[in-house]
């Protein structure tokens, strides 16, 4: 039995901007992007014009991980929380530093990137989209 878990980030109309940001910050590859306007029409639920260009589903490949996105419909606000955080694991402190610096652009430092007893480079940042990231470097055995 195969089992995987993938982060799915829900945005408030700015998923296109977020995808471009994460593509650069995480050295990600955009696999697919679909807007609500590109979905098959449903006569029982007509699509408002304000939703046509919003992202219904997008997929980025970040290393070995799939990172997915969607926008909400107009008028359905996103509620941010620190209950869920995305942890990025790397085996290189320089890569951790590059990712940390990229994600903190216009964001907020929660914990500076630093050496800890479990990691040579660990830090937490809330990015400009309100997503909380734990960046951790695996310690050498």
C-alpha atoms as a PDB file:
ATOM      1  CA  UNK A   1       0.000   0.000   0.000  1.00  0.00           C
ATOM      2  CA  UNK A   2       1.408   3.381  -0.983  1.00  0.00           C
ATOM      3  CA  UNK A   3       0.676   6.430   1.134  1.00  0.00           C
ATOM      4  CA  UNK A   4       1.788  10.019   0.573  1.00  0.00           C
ATOM      5  CA  UNK A   5       0.929  13.377   2.057  1.00  0.00           C
ATOM      6  CA  UNK A   6       1.316  16.585   0.066  1.00  0.00           C
ATOM      7  CA  UNK A   7       0.884  20.167   1.278  1.00  0.00           C
ATOM      8  CA  UNK A   8      -2.036  21.970  -0.364  1.00  0.00           C
ATOM      9  CA  UNK A   9      -1.959  25.758  -0.026  1.00  0.00           C
ATOM     10  CA  UNK A  10      -5.209  27.686  -0.428  1.00  0.00           C
ATOM     11  CA  UNK A  11      -4.866  31.327  -1.450  1.00  0.00           C
ATOM     12  CA  UNK A  12      -7.247  34.278  -1.569  1.00  0.00           C
ATOM     13  CA  UNK A  13      -6.986  35.143  -5.252  1.00  0.00           C
ATOM     14  CA  UNK A  14      -3.184  35.406  -5.317  1.00  0.00           C
ATOM     15  CA  UNK A  15      -2.241  31.810  -6.126  1.00  0.00           C
ATOM     16  CA  UNK A  16      -0.615  32.849  -9.429  1.00  0.00           C
ATOM     17  CA  UNK A  17       1.676  35.222  -7.541  1.00  0.00           C
ATOM     18  CA  UNK A  18       2.382  32.557  -4.912  1.00  0.00           C
ATOM     19  CA  UNK A  19       3.238  29.964  -7.564  1.00  0.00           C
ATOM     20  CA  UNK A  20       5.752  32.330  -9.176  1.00  0.00           C
ATOM     21  CA  UNK A  21       7.228  33.153  -5.750  1.00  0.00           C
ATOM     22  CA  UNK A  22       7.619  29.511  -4.680  1.00  0.00           C
ATOM     23  CA  UNK A  23       8.913  28.483  -8.099  1.00  0.00           C
ATOM     24  CA  UNK A  24      11.844  30.835  -7.527  1.00  0.00           C
ATOM     25  CA  UNK A  25      12.227  30.529  -3.731  1.00  0.00           C
ATOM     26  CA  UNK A  26      12.095  26.728  -3.664  1.00  0.00           C
ATOM     27  CA  UNK A  27      13.647  26.066  -7.069  1.00  0.00           C
ATOM     28  CA  UNK A  28      10.379  24.345  -7.961  1.00  0.00           C
ATOM     29  CA  UNK A  29       9.067  23.186 -11.316  1.00  0.00           C
ATOM     30  CA  UNK A  30       5.522  24.088 -12.324  1.00  0.00           C
ATOM     31  CA  UNK A  31       3.858  20.867 -13.467  1.00  0.00           C
ATOM     32  CA  UNK A  32       0.366  22.212 -14.167  1.00  0.00           C
ATOM     33  CA  UNK A  33      -1.884  25.197 -13.535  1.00  0.00           C
ATOM     34  CA  UNK A  34      -5.628  25.269 -14.200  1.00  0.00           C
ATOM     35  CA  UNK A  35      -8.017  28.172 -13.646  1.00  0.00           C
ATOM     36  CA  UNK A  36     -11.665  27.872 -12.700  1.00  0.00           C
ATOM     37  CA  UNK A  37     -12.447  29.281 -16.178  1.00  0.00           C
ATOM     38  CA  UNK A  38     -10.655  26.326 -17.809  1.00  0.00           C
ATOM     39  CA  UNK A  39     -12.809  23.770 -15.998  1.00  0.00           C
ATOM     40  CA  UNK A  40     -15.812  22.229 -17.773  1.00  0.00           C
ATOM     41  CA  UNK A  41     -18.903  24.413 -17.407  1.00  0.00           C
ATOM     42  CA  UNK A  42     -21.633  23.265 -15.040  1.00  0.00           C
ATOM     43  CA  UNK A  43     -25.056  24.777 -15.828  1.00  0.00           C
ATOM     44  CA  UNK A  44     -26.237  24.067 -12.267  1.00  0.00           C
ATOM     45  CA  UNK A  45     -23.382  26.187 -10.853  1.00  0.00           C
ATOM     46  CA  UNK A  46     -22.569  29.051 -13.231  1.00  0.00           C
ATOM     47  CA  UNK A  47     -19.075  30.427 -12.737  1.00  0.00           C
ATOM     48  CA  UNK A  48     -18.937  34.101 -11.750  1.00  0.00           C
ATOM     49  CA  UNK A  49     -16.690  36.256 -13.960  1.00  0.00           C
ATOM     50  CA  UNK A  50     -14.657  37.234 -10.876  1.00  0.00           C
ATOM     51  CA  UNK A  51     -13.606  33.577 -10.427  1.00  0.00           C
ATOM     52  CA  UNK A  52     -12.585  32.745 -14.010  1.00  0.00           C
ATOM     53  CA  UNK A  53      -8.896  33.671 -13.643  1.00  0.00           C
ATOM     54  CA  UNK A  54      -8.465  32.242 -10.152  1.00  0.00           C
ATOM     55  CA  UNK A  55      -6.530  28.995  -9.800  1.00  0.00           C
ATOM     56  CA  UNK A  56      -8.671  25.888  -9.343  1.00  0.00           C
ATOM     57  CA  UNK A  57      -5.645  23.593  -9.059  1.00  0.00           C
ATOM     58  CA  UNK A  58      -1.897  23.859  -9.552  1.00  0.00           C
ATOM     59  CA  UNK A  59       0.965  21.475  -8.945  1.00  0.00           C
ATOM     60  CA  UNK A  60       4.613  22.310  -8.322  1.00  0.00           C
ATOM     61  CA  UNK A  61       7.390  19.766  -7.944  1.00  0.00           C
ATOM     62  CA  UNK A  62       9.750  20.744  -5.117  1.00  0.00           C
ATOM     63  CA  UNK A  63      12.559  18.211  -4.915  1.00  0.00           C
ATOM     64  CA  UNK A  64      10.746  14.940  -4.210  1.00  0.00           C
ATOM     65  CA  UNK A  65       7.567  16.653  -2.982  1.00  0.00           C
ATOM     66  CA  UNK A  66       4.374  17.778  -4.690  1.00  0.00           C
ATOM     67  CA  UNK A  67       3.150  21.203  -3.560  1.00  0.00           C
ATOM     68  CA  UNK A  68      -0.412  21.986  -4.604  1.00  0.00           C
ATOM     69  CA  UNK A  69      -2.367  25.243  -4.795  1.00  0.00           C
ATOM     70  CA  UNK A  70      -5.852  26.588  -5.226  1.00  0.00           C
ATOM     71  CA  UNK A  71      -7.593  29.920  -4.845  1.00  0.00           C
ATOM     72  CA  UNK A  72     -10.824  30.356  -2.971  1.00  0.00           C
ATOM     73  CA  UNK A  73     -13.867  31.725  -4.744  1.00  0.00           C
ATOM     74  CA  UNK A  74     -14.288  35.503  -4.460  1.00  0.00           C
ATOM     75  CA  UNK A  75     -15.912  36.351  -1.136  1.00  0.00           C
ATOM     76  CA  UNK A  76     -14.667  33.190   0.594  1.00  0.00           C
ATOM     77  CA  UNK A  77     -11.805  34.449   2.759  1.00  0.00           C
ATOM     78  CA  UNK A  78      -8.768  32.385   3.655  1.00  0.00           C
ATOM     79  CA  UNK A  79      -8.121  31.939   7.355  1.00  0.00           C
ATOM     80  CA  UNK A  80      -4.436  31.709   8.255  1.00  0.00           C
ATOM     81  CA  UNK A  81      -3.241  29.750  11.255  1.00  0.00           C
ATOM     82  CA  UNK A  82      -0.023  28.504  12.776  1.00  0.00           C
ATOM     83  CA  UNK A  83      -1.601  25.112  13.469  1.00  0.00           C
ATOM     84  CA  UNK A  84      -0.152  23.648  10.278  1.00  0.00           C
ATOM     85  CA  UNK A  85       3.397  24.350   9.150  1.00  0.00           C
ATOM     86  CA  UNK A  86       5.330  22.994   6.200  1.00  0.00           C
ATOM     87  CA  UNK A  87       8.754  21.560   7.018  1.00  0.00           C
ATOM     88  CA  UNK A  88      11.457  21.621   4.379  1.00  0.00           C
ATOM     89  CA  UNK A  89      14.255  19.130   4.993  1.00  0.00           C
ATOM     90  CA  UNK A  90      17.616  19.424   3.284  1.00  0.00           C
ATOM     91  CA  UNK A  91      21.020  17.873   3.802  1.00  0.00           C
ATOM     92  CA  UNK A  92      22.933  21.077   3.067  1.00  0.00           C
ATOM     93  CA  UNK A  93      23.083  24.106   5.378  1.00  0.00           C
ATOM     94  CA  UNK A  94      23.765  26.439   2.418  1.00  0.00           C
ATOM     95  CA  UNK A  95      20.587  25.252   0.703  1.00  0.00           C
ATOM     96  CA  UNK A  96      18.637  25.756   3.944  1.00  0.00           C
ATOM     97  CA  UNK A  97      19.992  29.307   4.181  1.00  0.00           C
ATOM     98  CA  UNK A  98      19.080  30.098   0.554  1.00  0.00           C
ATOM     99  CA  UNK A  99      15.527  28.781   0.989  1.00  0.00           C
ATOM    100  CA  UNK A 100      15.093  30.536   4.352  1.00  0.00           C
ATOM    101  CA  UNK A 101      16.255  33.883   2.930  1.00  0.00           C
ATOM    102  CA  UNK A 102      14.005  33.542  -0.118  1.00  0.00           C
ATOM    103  CA  UNK A 103      10.905  32.671   1.939  1.00  0.00           C
ATOM    104  CA  UNK A 104      11.426  35.481   4.448  1.00  0.00           C
ATOM    105  CA  UNK A 105      11.333  38.139   1.701  1.00  0.00           C
ATOM    106  CA  UNK A 106       8.441  40.433   2.730  1.00  0.00           C
ATOM    107  CA  UNK A 107       7.562  37.839   5.402  1.00  0.00           C
ATOM    108  CA  UNK A 108       8.258  37.549   9.113  1.00  0.00           C
ATOM    109  CA  UNK A 109      11.021  35.734  10.963  1.00  0.00           C
ATOM    110  CA  UNK A 110       9.574  33.467  13.647  1.00  0.00           C
ATOM    111  CA  UNK A 111      12.915  31.876  14.575  1.00  0.00           C
ATOM    112  CA  UNK A 112      16.220  32.965  13.031  1.00  0.00           C
ATOM    113  CA  UNK A 113      18.085  30.338  11.039  1.00  0.00           C
ATOM    114  CA  UNK A 114      20.626  28.923  13.475  1.00  0.00           C
ATOM    115  CA  UNK A 115      22.437  25.845  14.678  1.00  0.00           C
ATOM    116  CA  UNK A 116      20.456  23.754  17.141  1.00  0.00           C
ATOM    117  CA  UNK A 117      21.230  20.540  18.969  1.00  0.00           C
ATOM    118  CA  UNK A 118      19.387  18.582  16.254  1.00  0.00           C
ATOM    119  CA  UNK A 119      20.293  20.587  13.145  1.00  0.00           C
ATOM    120  CA  UNK A 120      23.220  22.574  11.779  1.00  0.00           C
ATOM    121  CA  UNK A 121      20.728  25.089  10.302  1.00  0.00           C
ATOM    122  CA  UNK A 122      17.113  25.367  11.512  1.00  0.00           C
ATOM    123  CA  UNK A 123      14.691  28.280  11.400  1.00  0.00           C
ATOM    124  CA  UNK A 124      11.032  29.223  11.045  1.00  0.00           C
ATOM    125  CA  UNK A 125       9.597  31.908   8.804  1.00  0.00           C
ATOM    126  CA  UNK A 126       6.079  33.065   7.970  1.00  0.00           C
ATOM    127  CA  UNK A 127       6.187  34.083   4.314  1.00  0.00           C
ATOM    128  CA  UNK A 128       4.367  37.000   2.700  1.00  0.00           C
ATOM    129  CA  UNK A 129       1.366  34.752   2.009  1.00  0.00           C
ATOM    130  CA  UNK A 130       0.992  33.795   5.690  1.00  0.00           C
ATOM    131  CA  UNK A 131       2.360  30.257   5.236  1.00  0.00           C
ATOM    132  CA  UNK A 132       4.589  29.048   8.085  1.00  0.00           C
ATOM    133  CA  UNK A 133       7.742  27.192   7.035  1.00  0.00           C
ATOM    134  CA  UNK A 134      10.186  25.197   9.145  1.00  0.00           C
ATOM    135  CA  UNK A 135      13.509  24.930   7.362  1.00  0.00           C
ATOM    136  CA  UNK A 136      15.712  22.170   8.750  1.00  0.00           C
ATOM    137  CA  UNK A 137      19.050  20.685   7.799  1.00  0.00           C
ATOM    138  CA  UNK A 138      19.613  17.044   8.615  1.00  0.00           C
ATOM    139  CA  UNK A 139      22.561  16.519  10.954  1.00  0.00           C
ATOM    140  CA  UNK A 140      25.334  14.300   9.695  1.00  0.00           C
ATOM    141  CA  UNK A 141      25.335  10.845  11.261  1.00  0.00           C
END
